[in-house]
Amino acid sequence: MARFAVELVFGPDNEKRLAVRPAHREYLASLVEKGVLLVSGPYADDTGALIIYEAADEAAVKEIIAADPYTPAGVVEWRIREWNVLMGSWL
């Protein structure tokens, strides 16, 4: 399994994003239960968020993102980067 740092950049329609956020967070909670989502949270300046996923490959992460309620709502931009963890408690 590989780890992926996924950055969400919030779009300009804050009202729509906030309306979808409860469903987005429910979806993320289901991924925590499955061991797919390791950590997530918004930036302090509320311009976006960071999510760390564990998945087989980038294609699997893209499937996870496609199922996130934020995707069909079009309220965020997704940036995916495979991440090689060298140190820390996740090893």
Protein backbone atom coordinates (compact mmCIF):
# COMPACT_ATOMS: atom_id res chain seq x y z
CA MET A 1 0.00 0.00 0.00
CA ALA A 2 1.09 3.53 -0.74
CA ARG A 3 0.29 6.78 1.00
CA PHE A 4 -1.12 9.81 -0.79
CA ALA A 5 -1.31 13.43 0.33
CA VAL A 6 -4.40 14.94 -1.23
CA GLU A 7 -4.89 18.67 -1.05
CA LEU A 8 -8.36 20.15 -1.40
CA VAL A 9 -8.56 23.74 -2.58
CA PHE A 10 -11.93 25.21 -1.72
CA GLY A 11 -13.82 26.87 -4.57
CA PRO A 12 -15.51 30.26 -4.37
CA ASP A 13 -19.01 28.95 -3.53
CA ASN A 14 -18.61 28.66 0.23
CA GLU A 15 -22.36 28.34 0.85
CA LYS A 16 -22.66 25.32 -1.45
CA ARG A 17 -19.53 23.69 0.03
CA LEU A 18 -20.83 24.12 3.56
CA ALA A 19 -24.15 22.56 2.53
CA VAL A 20 -22.33 19.48 1.21
CA ARG A 21 -19.80 19.30 4.06
CA PRO A 22 -21.84 17.02 6.39
CA ALA A 23 -22.09 14.36 3.66
CA HIS A 24 -18.39 14.81 2.87
CA ARG A 25 -17.48 14.28 6.52
CA GLU A 26 -19.71 11.22 6.82
CA TYR A 27 -17.97 9.77 3.80
CA LEU A 28 -14.55 10.49 5.33
CA ALA A 29 -15.63 8.82 8.59
CA SER A 30 -16.52 5.67 6.63
CA LEU A 31 -13.03 5.71 5.11
CA VAL A 32 -11.46 5.98 8.57
CA GLU A 33 -13.38 2.86 9.62
CA LYS A 34 -12.00 1.03 6.56
CA GLY A 35 -8.42 2.11 7.32
CA VAL A 36 -8.18 4.07 4.05
CA LEU A 37 -8.11 7.58 5.54
CA LEU A 38 -5.24 8.14 7.98
CA VAL A 39 -5.73 11.80 8.86
CA SER A 40 -7.61 14.81 7.51
CA GLY A 41 -8.55 18.36 8.33
CA PRO A 42 -8.99 21.88 7.00
CA TYR A 43 -6.26 24.49 6.93
CA ALA A 44 -6.50 27.14 9.65
CA ASP A 45 -7.14 29.85 7.02
CA ASP A 46 -10.10 27.84 5.62
CA THR A 47 -8.81 27.91 2.04
CA GLY A 48 -8.63 24.14 1.74
CA ALA A 49 -7.74 20.92 3.51
CA LEU A 50 -5.28 18.06 3.56
CA ILE A 51 -6.20 14.38 3.56
CA ILE A 52 -3.76 11.47 3.84
CA TYR A 53 -5.03 8.26 2.26
CA GLU A 54 -3.54 4.77 2.15
CA ALA A 55 -4.38 2.99 -1.10
CA ALA A 56 -2.96 0.56 -3.62
CA ASP A 57 -2.22 3.21 -6.23
CA GLU A 58 -3.25 6.60 -7.60
CA ALA A 59 -6.10 5.03 -9.56
CA ALA A 60 -7.59 3.78 -6.28
CA VAL A 61 -7.29 7.26 -4.76
CA LYS A 62 -9.05 8.75 -7.78
CA GLU A 63 -11.92 6.28 -7.23
CA ILE A 64 -12.12 7.33 -3.57
CA ILE A 65 -12.22 10.99 -4.58
CA ALA A 66 -14.84 10.35 -7.26
CA ALA A 67 -17.14 8.93 -4.57
CA ASP A 68 -16.63 11.91 -2.24
CA PRO A 69 -19.74 14.16 -2.15
CA TYR A 70 -17.54 17.20 -2.79
CA THR A 71 -16.67 15.87 -6.27
CA PRO A 72 -20.12 15.90 -7.92
CA ALA A 73 -20.88 19.16 -6.11
CA GLY A 74 -17.85 20.73 -7.78
CA VAL A 75 -16.89 22.71 -4.69
CA VAL A 76 -13.21 21.75 -4.41
CA GLU A 77 -10.19 21.16 -6.60
CA TRP A 78 -8.23 18.00 -5.82
CA ARG A 79 -4.42 17.69 -5.97
CA ILE A 80 -3.00 14.20 -5.51
CA ARG A 81 0.62 13.46 -4.60
CA GLU A 82 2.09 10.09 -3.67
CA TRP A 83 3.91 10.56 -0.38
CA ASN A 84 6.91 8.60 0.90
CA VAL A 85 6.81 8.71 4.70
CA LEU A 86 10.32 8.43 6.13
CA MET A 87 9.82 9.12 9.83
CA GLY A 88 6.99 9.33 12.29
CA SER A 89 4.49 7.27 14.20
CA TRP A 90 2.80 5.95 11.02
CA LEU A 91 5.73 3.68 10.18
